[in-house]
Every structure is written in structure tokens, then in C-alpha cells.
Amino acid sequence: LNFAPAVLAVPDGVDVRKVDLSIELQILAYHEQRKAHDAGDPA
């Protein structure tokens, strides 16, 4: 389980799950931006 902001290279047979909090926040920022756009805020 990888919390580090890095992509890991591992051999076959090793499972990696990545948790990147900054990416999740950026996705939320995108959705907030779209909501504002839909509400008519050009800024």
C-alpha cells in the first residue's frame, strides 16, 4: 500500500495499491470548478 507520491516498479506477482491524497483533492477541485461553471461563474 503506497502513500508516497511516486509510481513504483514492481515485478509480476506483487500487487500495489496507491493512495495519493493530492490527486484526490485535485479531482475534487475539478468538480468544484465545473459546479461553479454550471452556476454561471466565468471566473
Full PDB file with SEQRES, HELIX, SHEET, SSBOND, CRYST1, ORIGX, SCALE, CONECT and MASTER records, all heavy atoms in Angstrom:
SEQRES   1 A   43  LEU ASN PHE ALA PRO ALA VAL LEU ALA VAL PRO ASP GLY          
SEQRES   2 A   43  VAL ASP VAL ARG LYS VAL ASP LEU SER ILE GLU LEU GLN          
SEQRES   3 A   43  ILE LEU ALA TYR HIS GLU GLN ARG LYS ALA HIS ASP ALA          
SEQRES   4 A   43  GLY ASP PRO ALA                                              
HELIX    1 AA1 LEU A   21  ASP A   38  1                                  18    
CRYST1    1.000    1.000    1.000  90.00  90.00  90.00 P 1           1          
ORIGX1      1.000000  0.000000  0.000000        0.00000                         
ORIGX2      0.000000  1.000000  0.000000        0.00000                         
ORIGX3      0.000000  0.000000  1.000000        0.00000                         
SCALE1      1.000000  0.000000  0.000000        0.00000                         
SCALE2      0.000000  1.000000  0.000000        0.00000                         
SCALE3      0.000000  0.000000  1.000000        0.00000                         
ATOM      1  N   LEU A   1       0.874  -1.169   0.000  1.00  0.00           N  
ATOM      2  CA  LEU A   1       0.000   0.000   0.000  1.00  0.00           C  
ATOM      3  C   LEU A   1       0.912   1.220   0.000  1.00  0.00           C  
ATOM      4  O   LEU A   1       1.646   1.446   0.962  1.00  0.00           O  
ATOM      5  CB  LEU A   1      -0.910   0.002   1.230  1.00  0.00           C  
ATOM      6  CG  LEU A   1      -1.893   1.169   1.354  1.00  0.00           C  
ATOM      7  CD1 LEU A   1      -2.852   1.202   0.177  1.00  0.00           C  
ATOM      8  CD2 LEU A   1      -2.671   1.073   2.668  1.00  0.00           C  
ATOM      9  N   ASN A   2       0.866   1.986  -1.077  1.00  0.00           N  
ATOM     10  CA  ASN A   2       1.825   3.078  -1.275  1.00  0.00           C  
ATOM     11  C   ASN A   2       1.172   4.435  -1.088  1.00  0.00           C  
ATOM     12  O   ASN A   2       0.299   4.834  -1.848  1.00  0.00           O  
ATOM     13  CB  ASN A   2       2.431   2.985  -2.683  1.00  0.00           C  
ATOM     14  CG  ASN A   2       3.401   4.112  -2.951  1.00  0.00           C  
ATOM     15  OD1 ASN A   2       4.067   4.596  -2.040  1.00  0.00           O  
ATOM     16  ND2 ASN A   2       3.474   4.548  -4.199  1.00  0.00           N  
ATOM     17  N   PHE A   3       1.602   5.168  -0.061  1.00  0.00           N  
ATOM     18  CA  PHE A   3       1.134   6.531   0.178  1.00  0.00           C  
ATOM     19  C   PHE A   3       2.120   7.567  -0.365  1.00  0.00           C  
ATOM     20  O   PHE A   3       1.825   8.755  -0.343  1.00  0.00           O  
ATOM     21  CB  PHE A   3       0.937   6.766   1.677  1.00  0.00           C  
ATOM     22  CG  PHE A   3      -0.309   6.129   2.240  1.00  0.00           C  
ATOM     23  CD1 PHE A   3      -0.275   4.841   2.734  1.00  0.00           C  
ATOM     24  CD2 PHE A   3      -1.513   6.818   2.270  1.00  0.00           C  
ATOM     25  CE1 PHE A   3      -1.410   4.240   3.254  1.00  0.00           C  
ATOM     26  CE2 PHE A   3      -2.656   6.231   2.785  1.00  0.00           C  
ATOM     27  CZ  PHE A   3      -2.610   4.939   3.278  1.00  0.00           C  
ATOM     28  N   ALA A   4       3.290   7.135  -0.786  1.00  0.00           N  
ATOM     29  CA  ALA A   4       4.289   8.067  -1.309  1.00  0.00           C  
ATOM     30  C   ALA A   4       3.871   8.561  -2.691  1.00  0.00           C  
ATOM     31  O   ALA A   4       3.323   7.799  -3.488  1.00  0.00           O  
ATOM     32  CB  ALA A   4       5.656   7.387  -1.393  1.00  0.00           C  
ATOM     33  N   PRO A   5       4.117   9.838  -2.986  1.00  0.00           N  
ATOM     34  CA  PRO A   5       3.752  10.383  -4.307  1.00  0.00           C  
ATOM     35  C   PRO A   5       4.733   9.936  -5.381  1.00  0.00           C  
ATOM     36  O   PRO A   5       5.483  10.732  -5.941  1.00  0.00           O  
ATOM     37  CB  PRO A   5       3.794  11.895  -4.081  1.00  0.00           C  
ATOM     38  CG  PRO A   5       4.815  12.072  -3.002  1.00  0.00           C  
ATOM     39  CD  PRO A   5       4.673  10.878  -2.096  1.00  0.00           C  
ATOM     40  N   ALA A   6       4.748   8.645  -5.648  1.00  0.00           N  
ATOM     41  CA  ALA A   6       5.677   8.077  -6.626  1.00  0.00           C  
ATOM     42  C   ALA A   6       5.057   6.829  -7.236  1.00  0.00           C  
ATOM     43  O   ALA A   6       4.302   6.120  -6.566  1.00  0.00           O  
ATOM     44  CB  ALA A   6       7.001   7.727  -5.954  1.00  0.00           C  
ATOM     45  N   VAL A   7       5.373   6.589  -8.494  1.00  0.00           N  
ATOM     46  CA  VAL A   7       4.925   5.376  -9.172  1.00  0.00           C  
ATOM     47  C   VAL A   7       5.987   4.301  -8.958  1.00  0.00           C  
ATOM     48  O   VAL A   7       7.158   4.516  -9.267  1.00  0.00           O  
ATOM     49  CB  VAL A   7       4.706   5.625 -10.675  1.00  0.00           C  
ATOM     50  CG1 VAL A   7       4.327   4.325 -11.378  1.00  0.00           C  
ATOM     51  CG2 VAL A   7       3.634   6.683 -10.886  1.00  0.00           C  
ATOM     52  N   LEU A   8       5.575   3.153  -8.438  1.00  0.00           N  
ATOM     53  CA  LEU A   8       6.514   2.093  -8.106  1.00  0.00           C  
ATOM     54  C   LEU A   8       6.597   1.058  -9.229  1.00  0.00           C  
ATOM     55  O   LEU A   8       5.582   0.681  -9.816  1.00  0.00           O  
ATOM     56  CB  LEU A   8       6.090   1.402  -6.812  1.00  0.00           C  
ATOM     57  CG  LEU A   8       5.980   2.283  -5.571  1.00  0.00           C  
ATOM     58  CD1 LEU A   8       5.514   1.447  -4.376  1.00  0.00           C  
ATOM     59  CD2 LEU A   8       7.308   2.966  -5.264  1.00  0.00           C  
ATOM     60  N   ALA A   9       7.800   0.603  -9.498  1.00  0.00           N  
ATOM     61  CA  ALA A   9       8.019  -0.503 -10.437  1.00  0.00           C  
ATOM     62  C   ALA A   9       8.239  -1.768  -9.614  1.00  0.00           C  
ATOM     63  O   ALA A   9       9.180  -1.833  -8.814  1.00  0.00           O  
ATOM     64  CB  ALA A   9       9.229  -0.216 -11.314  1.00  0.00           C  
ATOM     65  N   VAL A  10       7.369  -2.735  -9.798  1.00  0.00           N  
ATOM     66  CA  VAL A  10       7.474  -3.994  -9.053  1.00  0.00           C  
ATOM     67  C   VAL A  10       7.320  -5.161 -10.020  1.00  0.00           C  
ATOM     68  O   VAL A  10       6.710  -5.017 -11.086  1.00  0.00           O  
ATOM     69  CB  VAL A  10       6.394  -4.092  -7.948  1.00  0.00           C  
ATOM     70  CG1 VAL A  10       6.578  -2.992  -6.906  1.00  0.00           C  
ATOM     71  CG2 VAL A  10       4.993  -4.042  -8.540  1.00  0.00           C  
ATOM     72  N   PRO A  11       7.849  -6.319  -9.674  1.00  0.00           N  
ATOM     73  CA  PRO A  11       7.733  -7.481 -10.571  1.00  0.00           C  
ATOM     74  C   PRO A  11       6.327  -8.060 -10.582  1.00  0.00           C  
ATOM     75  O   PRO A  11       5.490  -7.744  -9.715  1.00  0.00           O  
ATOM     76  CB  PRO A  11       8.740  -8.471  -9.971  1.00  0.00           C  
ATOM     77  CG  PRO A  11       8.854  -8.086  -8.536  1.00  0.00           C  
ATOM     78  CD  PRO A  11       8.672  -6.602  -8.489  1.00  0.00           C  
ATOM     79  N   ASP A  12       6.073  -8.911 -11.558  1.00  0.00           N  
ATOM     80  CA  ASP A  12       4.799  -9.622 -11.617  1.00  0.00           C  
ATOM     81  C   ASP A  12       4.612 -10.423 -10.332  1.00  0.00           C  
ATOM     82  O   ASP A  12       5.566 -10.970  -9.773  1.00  0.00           O  
ATOM     83  CB  ASP A  12       4.770 -10.574 -12.814  1.00  0.00           C  
ATOM     84  CG  ASP A  12       4.726  -9.832 -14.134  1.00  0.00           C  
ATOM     85  OD1 ASP A  12       4.371  -8.633 -14.132  1.00  0.00           O  
ATOM     86  OD2 ASP A  12       5.054 -10.446 -15.169  1.00  0.00           O  
ATOM     87  N   GLY A  13       3.372 -10.466  -9.880  1.00  0.00           N  
ATOM     88  CA  GLY A  13       3.072 -11.201  -8.662  1.00  0.00           C  
ATOM     89  C   GLY A  13       3.041 -10.331  -7.424  1.00  0.00           C  
ATOM     90  O   GLY A  13       2.651 -10.791  -6.344  1.00  0.00           O  
ATOM     91  N   VAL A  14       3.441  -9.064  -7.569  1.00  0.00           N  
ATOM     92  CA  VAL A  14       3.378  -8.115  -6.462  1.00  0.00           C  
ATOM     93  C   VAL A  14       2.279  -7.098  -6.750  1.00  0.00           C  
ATOM     94  O   VAL A  14       2.268  -6.474  -7.821  1.00  0.00           O  
ATOM     95  CB  VAL A  14       4.726  -7.387  -6.260  1.00  0.00           C  
ATOM     96  CG1 VAL A  14       4.612  -6.335  -5.148  1.00  0.00           C  
ATOM     97  CG2 VAL A  14       5.823  -8.389  -5.935  1.00  0.00           C  
ATOM     98  N   ASP A  15       1.348  -6.959  -5.846  1.00  0.00           N  
ATOM     99  CA  ASP A  15       0.230  -6.026  -6.010  1.00  0.00           C  
ATOM    100  C   ASP A  15       0.526  -4.721  -5.288  1.00  0.00           C  
ATOM    101  O   ASP A  15       0.966  -4.723  -4.133  1.00  0.00           O  
ATOM    102  CB  ASP A  15      -1.065  -6.628  -5.454  1.00  0.00           C  
ATOM    103  CG  ASP A  15      -1.518  -7.844  -6.251  1.00  0.00           C  
ATOM    104  OD1 ASP A  15      -1.677  -7.703  -7.469  1.00  0.00           O  
ATOM    105  OD2 ASP A  15      -1.700  -8.913  -5.650  1.00  0.00           O  
ATOM    106  N   VAL A  16       0.278  -3.607  -5.979  1.00  0.00           N  
ATOM    107  CA  VAL A  16       0.477  -2.284  -5.386  1.00  0.00           C  
ATOM    108  C   VAL A  16      -0.828  -1.507  -5.475  1.00  0.00           C  
ATOM    109  O   VAL A  16      -1.446  -1.425  -6.540  1.00  0.00           O  
ATOM    110  CB  VAL A  16       1.587  -1.495  -6.114  1.00  0.00           C  
ATOM    111  CG1 VAL A  16       1.681  -0.069  -5.550  1.00  0.00           C  
ATOM    112  CG2 VAL A  16       2.923  -2.208  -5.984  1.00  0.00           C  
ATOM    113  N   ARG A  17      -1.237  -0.949  -4.332  1.00  0.00           N  
ATOM    114  CA  ARG A  17      -2.373  -0.036  -4.293  1.00  0.00           C  
ATOM    115  C   ARG A  17      -1.819   1.328  -3.906  1.00  0.00           C  
ATOM    116  O   ARG A  17      -1.121   1.466  -2.907  1.00  0.00           O  
ATOM    117  CB  ARG A  17      -3.413  -0.481  -3.265  1.00  0.00           C  
ATOM    118  CG  ARG A  17      -4.037  -1.832  -3.542  1.00  0.00           C  
ATOM    119  CD  ARG A  17      -4.981  -1.806  -4.719  1.00  0.00           C  
ATOM    120  NE  ARG A  17      -6.123  -0.941  -4.486  1.00  0.00           N  
ATOM    121  CZ  ARG A  17      -7.128  -0.774  -5.364  1.00  0.00           C  
ATOM    122  NH1 ARG A  17      -7.091  -1.393  -6.522  1.00  0.00           N  
ATOM    123  NH2 ARG A  17      -8.142   0.017  -5.088  1.00  0.00           N  
ATOM    124  N   LYS A  18      -2.128   2.342  -4.721  1.00  0.00           N  
ATOM    125  CA  LYS A  18      -1.596   3.679  -4.481  1.00  0.00           C  
ATOM    126  C   LYS A  18      -2.671   4.595  -3.919  1.00  0.00           C  
ATOM    127  O   LYS A  18      -3.791   4.643  -4.441  1.00  0.00           O  
ATOM    128  CB  LYS A  18      -1.032   4.259  -5.777  1.00  0.00           C  
ATOM    129  CG  LYS A  18      -0.439   5.659  -5.627  1.00  0.00           C  
ATOM    130  CD  LYS A  18       0.267   6.086  -6.889  1.00  0.00           C  
ATOM    131  CE  LYS A  18       0.736   7.534  -6.814  1.00  0.00           C  
ATOM    132  NZ  LYS A  18       1.584   7.795  -5.650  1.00  0.00           N  
ATOM    133  N   VAL A  19      -2.330   5.301  -2.861  1.00  0.00           N  
ATOM    134  CA  VAL A  19      -3.224   6.280  -2.268  1.00  0.00           C  
ATOM    135  C   VAL A  19      -2.530   7.636  -2.369  1.00  0.00           C  
ATOM    136  O   VAL A  19      -1.513   7.870  -1.719  1.00  0.00           O  
ATOM    137  CB  VAL A  19      -3.527   5.969  -0.785  1.00  0.00           C  
ATOM    138  CG1 VAL A  19      -4.468   7.019  -0.206  1.00  0.00           C  
ATOM    139  CG2 VAL A  19      -4.107   4.576  -0.639  1.00  0.00           C  
ATOM    140  N   ASP A  20      -3.061   8.522  -3.221  1.00  0.00           N  
ATOM    141  CA  ASP A  20      -2.463   9.842  -3.406  1.00  0.00           C  
ATOM    142  C   ASP A  20      -3.498  10.896  -3.038  1.00  0.00           C  
ATOM    143  O   ASP A  20      -4.424  11.173  -3.805  1.00  0.00           O  
ATOM    144  CB  ASP A  20      -1.998  10.026  -4.854  1.00  0.00           C  
ATOM    145  CG  ASP A  20      -1.110  11.250  -5.033  1.00  0.00           C  
ATOM    146  OD1 ASP A  20      -1.400  12.279  -4.398  1.00  0.00           O  
ATOM    147  OD2 ASP A  20      -0.126  11.169  -5.796  1.00  0.00           O  
ATOM    148  N   LEU A  21      -3.353  11.466  -1.847  1.00  0.00           N  
ATOM    149  CA  LEU A  21      -4.342  12.416  -1.353  1.00  0.00           C  
ATOM    150  C   LEU A  21      -4.389  13.686  -2.203  1.00  0.00           C  
ATOM    151  O   LEU A  21      -5.458  14.265  -2.399  1.00  0.00           O  
ATOM    152  CB  LEU A  21      -4.036  12.767   0.106  1.00  0.00           C  
ATOM    153  CG  LEU A  21      -4.028  11.592   1.079  1.00  0.00           C  
ATOM    154  CD1 LEU A  21      -3.713  12.069   2.490  1.00  0.00           C  
ATOM    155  CD2 LEU A  21      -5.361  10.858   1.066  1.00  0.00           C  
ATOM    156  N   SER A  22      -3.230  14.117  -2.725  1.00  0.00           N  
ATOM    157  CA  SER A  22      -3.216  15.340  -3.524  1.00  0.00           C  
ATOM    158  C   SER A  22      -3.994  15.155  -4.822  1.00  0.00           C  
ATOM    159  O   SER A  22      -4.694  16.072  -5.277  1.00  0.00           O  
ATOM    160  CB  SER A  22      -1.778  15.767  -3.830  1.00  0.00           C  
ATOM    161  OG  SER A  22      -1.126  14.808  -4.646  1.00  0.00           O  
ATOM    162  N   ILE A  23      -3.903  13.969  -5.425  1.00  0.00           N  
ATOM    163  CA  ILE A  23      -4.666  13.706  -6.651  1.00  0.00           C  
ATOM    164  C   ILE A  23      -6.158  13.716  -6.355  1.00  0.00           C  
ATOM    165  O   ILE A  23      -6.958  14.272  -7.120  1.00  0.00           O  
ATOM    166  CB  ILE A  23      -4.227  12.372  -7.274  1.00  0.00           C  
ATOM    167  CG1 ILE A  23      -2.847  12.523  -7.918  1.00  0.00           C  
ATOM    168  CG2 ILE A  23      -5.246  11.901  -8.315  1.00  0.00           C  
ATOM    169  CD1 ILE A  23      -2.306  11.257  -8.532  1.00  0.00           C  
ATOM    170  N   GLU A  24      -6.550  13.104  -5.233  1.00  0.00           N  
ATOM    171  CA  GLU A  24      -7.971  13.093  -4.873  1.00  0.00           C  
ATOM    172  C   GLU A  24      -8.482  14.519  -4.672  1.00  0.00           C  
ATOM    173  O   GLU A  24      -9.598  14.855  -5.085  1.00  0.00           O  
ATOM    174  CB  GLU A  24      -8.186  12.267  -3.605  1.00  0.00           C  
ATOM    175  CG  GLU A  24      -7.819  10.795  -3.747  1.00  0.00           C  
ATOM    176  CD  GLU A  24      -8.567  10.109  -4.872  1.00  0.00           C  
ATOM    177  OE1 GLU A  24      -9.755  10.409  -5.077  1.00  0.00           O  
ATOM    178  OE2 GLU A  24      -7.956   9.267  -5.560  1.00  0.00           O  
ATOM    179  N   LEU A  25      -7.677  15.379  -4.041  1.00  0.00           N  
ATOM    180  CA  LEU A  25      -8.077  16.768  -3.841  1.00  0.00           C  
ATOM    181  C   LEU A  25      -8.177  17.504  -5.175  1.00  0.00           C  
ATOM    182  O   LEU A  25      -9.083  18.322  -5.384  1.00  0.00           O  
ATOM    183  CB  LEU A  25      -7.085  17.475  -2.925  1.00  0.00           C  
ATOM    184  CG  LEU A  25      -7.176  17.123  -1.439  1.00  0.00           C  
ATOM    185  CD1 LEU A  25      -6.005  17.708  -0.673  1.00  0.00           C  
ATOM    186  CD2 LEU A  25      -8.496  17.615  -0.834  1.00  0.00           C  
ATOM    187  N   GLN A  26      -7.268  17.212  -6.092  1.00  0.00           N  
ATOM    188  CA  GLN A  26      -7.320  17.858  -7.401  1.00  0.00           C  
ATOM    189  C   GLN A  26      -8.567  17.437  -8.172  1.00  0.00           C  
ATOM    190  O   GLN A  26      -9.171  18.240  -8.887  1.00  0.00           O  
ATOM    191  CB  GLN A  26      -6.056  17.522  -8.184  1.00  0.00           C  
ATOM    192  CG  GLN A  26      -4.816  18.228  -7.650  1.00  0.00           C  
ATOM    193  CD  GLN A  26      -3.538  17.702  -8.261  1.00  0.00           C  
ATOM    194  OE1 GLN A  26      -3.531  17.218  -9.389  1.00  0.00           O  
ATOM    195  NE2 GLN A  26      -2.448  17.774  -7.511  1.00  0.00           N  
ATOM    196  N   ILE A  27      -8.966  16.182  -8.026  1.00  0.00           N  
ATOM    197  CA  ILE A  27     -10.198  15.722  -8.677  1.00  0.00           C  
ATOM    198  C   ILE A  27     -11.396  16.464  -8.105  1.00  0.00           C  
ATOM    199  O   ILE A  27     -12.303  16.895  -8.836  1.00  0.00           O  
ATOM    200  CB  ILE A  27     -10.351  14.199  -8.501  1.00  0.00           C  
ATOM    201  CG1 ILE A  27      -9.269  13.462  -9.300  1.00  0.00           C  
ATOM    202  CG2 ILE A  27     -11.739  13.736  -8.949  1.00  0.00           C  
ATOM    203  CD1 ILE A  27      -9.191  11.975  -9.029  1.00  0.00           C  
ATOM    204  N   LEU A  28     -11.399  16.637  -6.775  1.00  0.00           N  
ATOM    205  CA  LEU A  28     -12.483  17.395  -6.144  1.00  0.00           C  
ATOM    206  C   LEU A  28     -12.475  18.846  -6.620  1.00  0.00           C  
ATOM    207  O   LEU A  28     -13.535  19.447  -6.844  1.00  0.00           O  
ATOM    208  CB  LEU A  28     -12.358  17.337  -4.621  1.00  0.00           C  
ATOM    209  CG  LEU A  28     -12.676  15.991  -3.977  1.00  0.00           C  
ATOM    210  CD1 LEU A  28     -12.401  16.045  -2.480  1.00  0.00           C  
ATOM    211  CD2 LEU A  28     -14.131  15.590  -4.218  1.00  0.00           C  
ATOM    212  N   ALA A  29     -11.273  19.428  -6.779  1.00  0.00           N  
ATOM    213  CA  ALA A  29     -11.173  20.799  -7.270  1.00  0.00           C  
ATOM    214  C   ALA A  29     -11.771  20.917  -8.669  1.00  0.00           C  
ATOM    215  O   ALA A  29     -12.448  21.900  -8.990  1.00  0.00           O  
ATOM    216  CB  ALA A  29      -9.710  21.247  -7.275  1.00  0.00           C  
ATOM    217  N   TYR A  30     -11.521  19.904  -9.497  1.00  0.00           N  
ATOM    218  CA  TYR A  30     -12.101  19.901 -10.844  1.00  0.00           C  
ATOM    219  C   TYR A  30     -13.625  19.942 -10.777  1.00  0.00           C  
ATOM    220  O   TYR A  30     -14.275  20.734 -11.470  1.00  0.00           O  
ATOM    221  CB  TYR A  30     -11.653  18.661 -11.619  1.00  0.00           C  
ATOM    222  CG  TYR A  30     -12.480  18.405 -12.859  1.00  0.00           C  
ATOM    223  CD1 TYR A  30     -12.240  19.123 -14.027  1.00  0.00           C  
ATOM    224  CD2 TYR A  30     -13.513  17.470 -12.851  1.00  0.00           C  
ATOM    225  CE1 TYR A  30     -13.013  18.902 -15.161  1.00  0.00           C  
ATOM    226  CE2 TYR A  30     -14.284  17.248 -13.980  1.00  0.00           C  
ATOM    227  CZ  TYR A  30     -14.032  17.973 -15.133  1.00  0.00           C  
ATOM    228  OH  TYR A  30     -14.805  17.775 -16.244  1.00  0.00           O  
ATOM    229  N   HIS A  31     -14.191  19.082  -9.915  1.00  0.00           N  
ATOM    230  CA  HIS A  31     -15.651  19.043  -9.810  1.00  0.00           C  
ATOM    231  C   HIS A  31     -16.208  20.353  -9.252  1.00  0.00           C  
ATOM    232  O   HIS A  31     -17.266  20.817  -9.686  1.00  0.00           O  
ATOM    233  CB  HIS A  31     -16.077  17.858  -8.948  1.00  0.00           C  
ATOM    234  CG  HIS A  31     -15.887  16.534  -9.623  1.00  0.00           C  
ATOM    235  ND1 HIS A  31     -16.588  16.173 -10.755  1.00  0.00           N  
ATOM    236  CD2 HIS A  31     -15.065  15.491  -9.345  1.00  0.00           C  
ATOM    237  CE1 HIS A  31     -16.220  14.967 -11.145  1.00  0.00           C  
ATOM    238  NE2 HIS A  31     -15.291  14.533 -10.306  1.00  0.00           N  
ATOM    239  N   GLU A  32     -15.495  20.968  -8.315  1.00  0.00           N  
ATOM    240  CA  GLU A  32     -15.940  22.261  -7.792  1.00  0.00           C  
ATOM    241  C   GLU A  32     -15.916  23.318  -8.887  1.00  0.00           C  
ATOM    242  O   GLU A  32     -16.811  24.165  -8.987  1.00  0.00           O  
ATOM    243  CB  GLU A  32     -15.051  22.687  -6.621  1.00  0.00           C  
ATOM    244  CG  GLU A  32     -15.305  21.926  -5.337  1.00  0.00           C  
ATOM    245  CD  GLU A  32     -16.746  22.058  -4.877  1.00  0.00           C  
ATOM    246  OE1 GLU A  32     -17.277  23.193  -4.837  1.00  0.00           O  
ATOM    247  OE2 GLU A  32     -17.372  21.020  -4.591  1.00  0.00           O  
ATOM    248  N   GLN A  33     -14.881  23.265  -9.720  1.00  0.00           N  
ATOM    249  CA  GLN A  33     -14.789  24.205 -10.832  1.00  0.00           C  
ATOM    250  C   GLN A  33     -15.940  24.032 -11.804  1.00  0.00           C  
ATOM    251  O   GLN A  33     -16.527  25.009 -12.279  1.00  0.00           O  
ATOM    252  CB  GLN A  33     -13.454  23.995 -11.551  1.00  0.00           C  
ATOM    253  CG  GLN A  33     -13.222  24.925 -12.731  1.00  0.00           C  
ATOM    254  CD  GLN A  33     -11.829  24.772 -13.283  1.00  0.00           C  
ATOM    255  OE1 GLN A  33     -10.917  25.463 -12.859  1.00  0.00           O  
ATOM    256  NE2 GLN A  33     -11.663  23.840 -14.215  1.00  0.00           N  
ATOM    257  N   ARG A  34     -16.288  22.756 -12.086  1.00  0.00           N  
ATOM    258  CA  ARG A  34     -17.403  22.504 -13.015  1.00  0.00           C  
ATOM    259  C   ARG A  34     -18.724  22.978 -12.422  1.00  0.00           C  
ATOM    260  O   ARG A  34     -19.571  23.521 -13.126  1.00  0.00           O  
ATOM    261  CB  ARG A  34     -17.477  21.006 -13.343  1.00  0.00           C  
ATOM    262  CG  ARG A  34     -16.268  20.430 -14.055  1.00  0.00           C  
ATOM    263  CD  ARG A  34     -15.815  21.274 -15.228  1.00  0.00           C  
ATOM    264  NE  ARG A  34     -16.884  21.528 -16.196  1.00  0.00           N  
ATOM    265  CZ  ARG A  34     -16.802  22.362 -17.212  1.00  0.00           C  
ATOM    266  NH1 ARG A  34     -15.689  23.063 -17.386  1.00  0.00           N  
ATOM    267  NH2 ARG A  34     -17.804  22.512 -18.045  1.00  0.00           N  
ATOM    268  N   LYS A  35     -18.897  22.799 -11.100  1.00  0.00           N  
ATOM    269  CA  LYS A  35     -20.123  23.291 -10.447  1.00  0.00           C  
ATOM    270  C   LYS A  35     -20.241  24.802 -10.587  1.00  0.00           C  
ATOM    271  O   LYS A  35     -21.317  25.339 -10.856  1.00  0.00           O  
ATOM    272  CB  LYS A  35     -20.133  22.905  -8.970  1.00  0.00           C  
ATOM    273  CG  LYS A  35     -20.257  21.426  -8.681  1.00  0.00           C  
ATOM    274  CD  LYS A  35     -20.085  21.173  -7.182  1.00  0.00           C  
ATOM    275  CE  LYS A  35     -19.876  19.716  -6.871  1.00  0.00           C  
ATOM    276  NZ  LYS A  35     -19.545  19.495  -5.441  1.00  0.00           N  
ATOM    277  N   ALA A  36     -19.113  25.488 -10.379  1.00  0.00           N  
ATOM    278  CA  ALA A  36     -19.122  26.948 -10.489  1.00  0.00           C  
ATOM    279  C   ALA A  36     -19.441  27.372 -11.920  1.00  0.00           C  
ATOM    280  O   ALA A  36     -20.177  28.331 -12.153  1.00  0.00           O  
ATOM    281  CB  ALA A  36     -17.772  27.512 -10.052  1.00  0.00           C  
ATOM    282  N   HIS A  37     -18.882  26.636 -12.882  1.00  0.00           N  
ATOM    283  CA  HIS A  37     -19.163  26.939 -14.292  1.00  0.00           C  
ATOM    284  C   HIS A  37     -20.644  26.761 -14.596  1.00  0.00           C  
ATOM    285  O   HIS A  37     -21.276  27.591 -15.245  1.00  0.00           O  
ATOM    286  CB  HIS A  37     -18.329  26.037 -15.187  1.00  0.00           C  
ATOM    287  CG  HIS A  37     -18.684  26.146 -16.646  1.00  0.00           C  
ATOM    288  ND1 HIS A  37     -19.563  25.270 -17.259  1.00  0.00           N  
ATOM    289  CD2 HIS A  37     -18.306  27.044 -17.597  1.00  0.00           C  
ATOM    290  CE1 HIS A  37     -19.702  25.614 -18.522  1.00  0.00           C  
ATOM    291  NE2 HIS A  37     -18.947  26.676 -18.750  1.00  0.00           N  
ATOM    292  N   ASP A  38     -21.204  25.658 -14.112  1.00  0.00           N  
ATOM    293  CA  ASP A  38     -22.621  25.389 -14.358  1.00  0.00           C  
ATOM    294  C   ASP A  38     -23.511  26.420 -13.683  1.00  0.00           C  
ATOM    295  O   ASP A  38     -24.639  26.666 -14.110  1.00  0.00           O  
ATOM    296  CB  ASP A  38     -22.990  23.987 -13.865  1.00  0.00           C  
ATOM    297  CG  ASP A  38     -22.324  22.897 -14.688  1.00  0.00           C  
ATOM    298  OD1 ASP A  38     -21.873  23.201 -15.817  1.00  0.00           O  
ATOM    299  OD2 ASP A  38     -22.234  21.748 -14.202  1.00  0.00           O  
ATOM    300  N   ALA A  39     -22.985  27.030 -12.598  1.00  0.00           N  
ATOM    301  CA  ALA A  39     -23.750  28.057 -11.893  1.00  0.00           C  
ATOM    302  C   ALA A  39     -23.577  29.427 -12.530  1.00  0.00           C  
ATOM    303  O   ALA A  39     -24.161  30.414 -12.075  1.00  0.00           O  
ATOM    304  CB  ALA A  39     -23.320  28.111 -10.430  1.00  0.00           C  
ATOM    305  N   GLY A  40     -22.727  29.501 -13.588  1.00  0.00           N  
ATOM    306  CA  GLY A  40     -22.578  30.750 -14.325  1.00  0.00           C  
ATOM    307  C   GLY A  40     -21.477  31.658 -13.847  1.00  0.00           C  
ATOM    308  O   GLY A  40     -21.515  32.869 -14.093  1.00  0.00           O  
ATOM    309  N   ASP A  41     -20.469  31.103 -13.159  1.00  0.00           N  
ATOM    310  CA  ASP A  41     -19.353  31.917 -12.677  1.00  0.00           C  
ATOM    311  C   ASP A  41     -18.197  31.796 -13.660  1.00  0.00           C  
ATOM    312  O   ASP A  41     -17.451  30.818 -13.640  1.00  0.00           O  
ATOM    313  CB  ASP A  41     -18.915  31.439 -11.290  1.00  0.00           C  
ATOM    314  CG  ASP A  41     -17.754  32.263 -10.731  1.00  0.00           C  
ATOM    315  OD1 ASP A  41     -17.352  33.221 -11.411  1.00  0.00           O  
ATOM    316  OD2 ASP A  41     -17.259  31.931  -9.638  1.00  0.00           O  
ATOM    317  N   PRO A  42     -17.980  32.788 -14.555  1.00  0.00           N  
ATOM    318  CA  PRO A  42     -16.934  32.671 -15.578  1.00  0.00           C  
ATOM    319  C   PRO A  42     -15.536  32.648 -14.989  1.00  0.00           C  
ATOM    320  O   PRO A  42     -14.606  32.109 -15.592  1.00  0.00           O  
ATOM    321  CB  PRO A  42     -17.142  33.908 -16.448  1.00  0.00           C  
ATOM    322  CG  PRO A  42     -17.839  34.890 -15.547  1.00  0.00           C  
ATOM    323  CD  PRO A  42     -18.714  34.053 -14.657  1.00  0.00           C  
ATOM    324  N   ALA A  43     -15.352  33.212 -13.796  1.00  0.00           N  
ATOM    325  CA  ALA A  43     -14.018  33.249 -13.188  1.00  0.00           C  
ATOM    326  C   ALA A  43     -13.536  31.869 -12.792  1.00  0.00           C  
ATOM    327  O   ALA A  43     -12.346  31.671 -12.564  1.00  0.00           O  
ATOM    328  CB  ALA A  43     -14.030  34.152 -11.963  1.00  0.00           C  
TER     329      ALA A  43                                                      
MASTER        0    0    0    1    0    0    0    6  328    1    0    4          
END                                                                             
